Amino acid sequence: MSFPHEIDVIRAAALLQQGALVLDVREPAELAVCQLAGCLHVPMQEIPARLAELPPDAPVLVLCHHGGRSARVTMFLRANGIAQAVNVAGGIDAWALQIDPSLRRY
C-alpha cells in the first residue's frame, strides 16, 4: 500500500488504533503541555541521529504542533528509507480539537 504524504487526524487516529507508531517531533517543553500516550518522542533536530529507532516497513505518523515541522521530518524520513512515514496535518492542535478535547492546547 502506498501511503500519502499527509493525512488528517481522523485517519491518523484510525491508524493509531491499528498499531501505527506516532512519532512526536516537538520539543520537551511542548510535551510538558500535552502529549499522546504511547508516542515515540524525538525532537526534530535529533531525527537524523535516531533514524535507526524507526521501523522501515511500518506506518510512522509524524506529529508536531500544527504540522509544519512534521511535514519536513516526513520528507526526510521518506528520503531515508521510512517509506510509510506520513505527516499528521494540523498536528497535536488539530488532534485536541477533533479527537481528544481533554488535551491542553497552546
C-alpha atoms as a PDB file:
ATOM      1  CA  MET A   1       0.000   0.000   0.000  1.00  0.00           C
ATOM      2  CA  SER A   2       1.286   3.437  -0.913  1.00  0.00           C
ATOM      3  CA  PHE A   3       0.957   5.923   1.914  1.00  0.00           C
ATOM      4  CA  PRO A   4       0.085   9.547   1.213  1.00  0.00           C
ATOM      5  CA  HIS A   5       2.496  12.227   2.377  1.00  0.00           C
ATOM      6  CA  GLU A   6      -0.149  13.745   4.651  1.00  0.00           C
ATOM      7  CA  ILE A   7      -3.336  12.608   6.402  1.00  0.00           C
ATOM      8  CA  ASP A   8      -5.859  14.283   8.681  1.00  0.00           C
ATOM      9  CA  VAL A   9      -6.167  13.492  12.375  1.00  0.00           C
ATOM     10  CA  ILE A  10      -9.275  11.349  11.836  1.00  0.00           C
ATOM     11  CA  ARG A  11      -7.331   8.955   9.588  1.00  0.00           C
ATOM     12  CA  ALA A  12      -4.300   9.175  11.905  1.00  0.00           C
ATOM     13  CA  ALA A  13      -6.412   8.162  14.902  1.00  0.00           C
ATOM     14  CA  ALA A  14      -7.717   5.158  12.962  1.00  0.00           C
ATOM     15  CA  LEU A  15      -4.165   4.113  12.022  1.00  0.00           C
ATOM     16  CA  LEU A  16      -3.080   4.541  15.639  1.00  0.00           C
ATOM     17  CA  GLN A  17      -5.850   2.138  16.677  1.00  0.00           C
ATOM     18  CA  GLN A  18      -4.410  -0.334  14.145  1.00  0.00           C
ATOM     19  CA  GLY A  19      -0.972  -0.140  15.756  1.00  0.00           C
ATOM     20  CA  ALA A  20       0.788   2.611  13.818  1.00  0.00           C
ATOM     21  CA  LEU A  21       3.668   4.374  15.564  1.00  0.00           C
ATOM     22  CA  VAL A  22       3.225   8.064  16.361  1.00  0.00           C
ATOM     23  CA  LEU A  23       6.500   9.983  16.182  1.00  0.00           C
ATOM     24  CA  ASP A  24       6.163  13.278  18.054  1.00  0.00           C
ATOM     25  CA  VAL A  25       8.906  15.669  16.920  1.00  0.00           C
ATOM     26  CA  ARG A  26       8.059  18.536  19.293  1.00  0.00           C
ATOM     27  CA  GLU A  27      10.434  19.907  21.919  1.00  0.00           C
ATOM     28  CA  PRO A  28      10.365  18.702  25.558  1.00  0.00           C
ATOM     29  CA  ALA A  29       8.730  21.940  26.771  1.00  0.00           C
ATOM     30  CA  GLU A  30       5.863  21.337  24.324  1.00  0.00           C
ATOM     31  CA  LEU A  31       5.458  17.764  25.536  1.00  0.00           C
ATOM     32  CA  ALA A  32       5.069  19.116  29.071  1.00  0.00           C
ATOM     33  CA  VAL A  33       1.917  20.944  27.904  1.00  0.00           C
ATOM     34  CA  CYS A  34       0.244  17.961  26.248  1.00  0.00           C
ATOM     35  CA  GLN A  35       1.091  14.686  24.571  1.00  0.00           C
ATOM     36  CA  LEU A  36      -0.414  11.489  23.239  1.00  0.00           C
ATOM     37  CA  ALA A  37       0.195   8.365  25.294  1.00  0.00           C
ATOM     38  CA  GLY A  38       2.473   5.780  23.730  1.00  0.00           C
ATOM     39  CA  CYS A  39       4.228   8.076  21.267  1.00  0.00           C
ATOM     40  CA  LEU A  40       7.905   7.961  20.453  1.00  0.00           C
ATOM     41  CA  HIS A  41       9.270  11.415  21.274  1.00  0.00           C
ATOM     42  CA  VAL A  42      12.248  12.533  19.213  1.00  0.00           C
ATOM     43  CA  PRO A  43      12.783  16.286  18.835  1.00  0.00           C
ATOM     44  CA  MET A  44      13.136  17.300  15.190  1.00  0.00           C
ATOM     45  CA  GLN A  45      16.862  18.056  15.364  1.00  0.00           C
ATOM     46  CA  GLU A  46      17.597  14.584  16.800  1.00  0.00           C
ATOM     47  CA  ILE A  47      15.884  12.672  13.977  1.00  0.00           C
ATOM     48  CA  PRO A  48      18.997  12.055  11.822  1.00  0.00           C
ATOM     49  CA  ALA A  49      20.935  10.572  14.758  1.00  0.00           C
ATOM     50  CA  ARG A  50      17.997   8.396  15.860  1.00  0.00           C
ATOM     51  CA  LEU A  51      16.772   7.184  12.465  1.00  0.00           C
ATOM     52  CA  ALA A  52      17.556   3.553  13.349  1.00  0.00           C
ATOM     53  CA  GLU A  53      14.865   3.646  16.075  1.00  0.00           C
ATOM     54  CA  LEU A  54      12.129   3.878  13.431  1.00  0.00           C
ATOM     55  CA  PRO A  55      10.596   0.881  11.667  1.00  0.00           C
ATOM     56  CA  PRO A  56      11.420   0.946   7.931  1.00  0.00           C
ATOM     57  CA  ASP A  57       8.373  -1.103   6.949  1.00  0.00           C
ATOM     58  CA  ALA A  58       5.518   0.106   9.175  1.00  0.00           C
ATOM     59  CA  PRO A  59       3.388   3.247   9.318  1.00  0.00           C
ATOM     60  CA  VAL A  60       5.014   6.157  11.154  1.00  0.00           C
ATOM     61  CA  LEU A  61       2.636   9.033  11.895  1.00  0.00           C
ATOM     62  CA  VAL A  62       4.725  12.188  12.306  1.00  0.00           C
ATOM     63  CA  LEU A  63       3.237  14.787  14.645  1.00  0.00           C
ATOM     64  CA  CYS A  64       4.196  18.285  15.787  1.00  0.00           C
ATOM     65  CA  HIS A  65       2.223  21.334  16.964  1.00  0.00           C
ATOM     66  CA  HIS A  66       0.499  22.360  13.713  1.00  0.00           C
ATOM     67  CA  GLY A  67       2.095  20.186  11.010  1.00  0.00           C
ATOM     68  CA  GLY A  68       5.000  22.269   9.672  1.00  0.00           C
ATOM     69  CA  ARG A  69       7.923  20.565  11.384  1.00  0.00           C
ATOM     70  CA  SER A  70       6.356  17.154  10.966  1.00  0.00           C
ATOM     71  CA  ALA A  71       5.956  17.767   7.212  1.00  0.00           C
ATOM     72  CA  ARG A  72       9.701  18.431   6.921  1.00  0.00           C
ATOM     73  CA  VAL A  73      10.523  15.375   9.055  1.00  0.00           C
ATOM     74  CA  THR A  74       8.193  13.232   6.930  1.00  0.00           C
ATOM     75  CA  MET A  75      10.056  14.254   3.756  1.00  0.00           C
ATOM     76  CA  PHE A  76      13.398  13.494   5.432  1.00  0.00           C
ATOM     77  CA  LEU A  77      12.212  10.092   6.666  1.00  0.00           C
ATOM     78  CA  ARG A  78      10.887   9.080   3.257  1.00  0.00           C
ATOM     79  CA  ALA A  79      14.162  10.118   1.634  1.00  0.00           C
ATOM     80  CA  ASN A  80      15.969   7.927   4.172  1.00  0.00           C
ATOM     81  CA  GLY A  81      14.073   4.670   3.815  1.00  0.00           C
ATOM     82  CA  ILE A  82      10.991   5.127   6.001  1.00  0.00           C
ATOM     83  CA  ALA A  83       8.531   4.705   3.134  1.00  0.00           C
ATOM     84  CA  GLN A  84       5.382   4.741   5.266  1.00  0.00           C
ATOM     85  CA  ALA A  85       6.147   7.992   7.092  1.00  0.00           C
ATOM     86  CA  VAL A  86       3.147  10.296   6.892  1.00  0.00           C
ATOM     87  CA  ASN A  87       2.573  13.828   8.173  1.00  0.00           C
ATOM     88  CA  VAL A  88      -0.379  14.371  10.508  1.00  0.00           C
ATOM     89  CA  ALA A  89      -1.951  17.566   9.175  1.00  0.00           C
ATOM     90  CA  GLY A  90      -2.808  20.097  11.866  1.00  0.00           C
ATOM     91  CA  GLY A  91      -0.634  18.353  14.452  1.00  0.00           C
ATOM     92  CA  ILE A  92      -1.466  17.986  18.119  1.00  0.00           C
ATOM     93  CA  ASP A  93      -3.621  21.116  17.918  1.00  0.00           C
ATOM     94  CA  ALA A  94      -5.988  19.502  15.391  1.00  0.00           C
ATOM     95  CA  TRP A  95      -5.891  16.297  17.462  1.00  0.00           C
ATOM     96  CA  ALA A  96      -7.061  18.251  20.514  1.00  0.00           C
ATOM     97  CA  LEU A  97      -9.841  19.920  18.520  1.00  0.00           C
ATOM     98  CA  GLN A  98     -11.126  16.869  16.656  1.00  0.00           C
ATOM     99  CA  ILE A  99     -10.096  13.725  18.557  1.00  0.00           C
ATOM    100  CA  ASP A 100      -9.327  14.399  22.228  1.00  0.00           C
ATOM    101  CA  PRO A 101     -10.635  17.677  23.659  1.00  0.00           C
ATOM    102  CA  SER A 102      -9.090  16.808  27.028  1.00  0.00           C
ATOM    103  CA  LEU A 103      -5.679  17.680  25.573  1.00  0.00           C
ATOM    104  CA  ARG A 104      -4.455  21.125  26.569  1.00  0.00           C
ATOM    105  CA  ARG A 105      -3.995  23.477  23.614  1.00  0.00           C
ATOM    106  CA  TYR A 106      -1.194  26.033  23.311  1.00  0.00           C
END
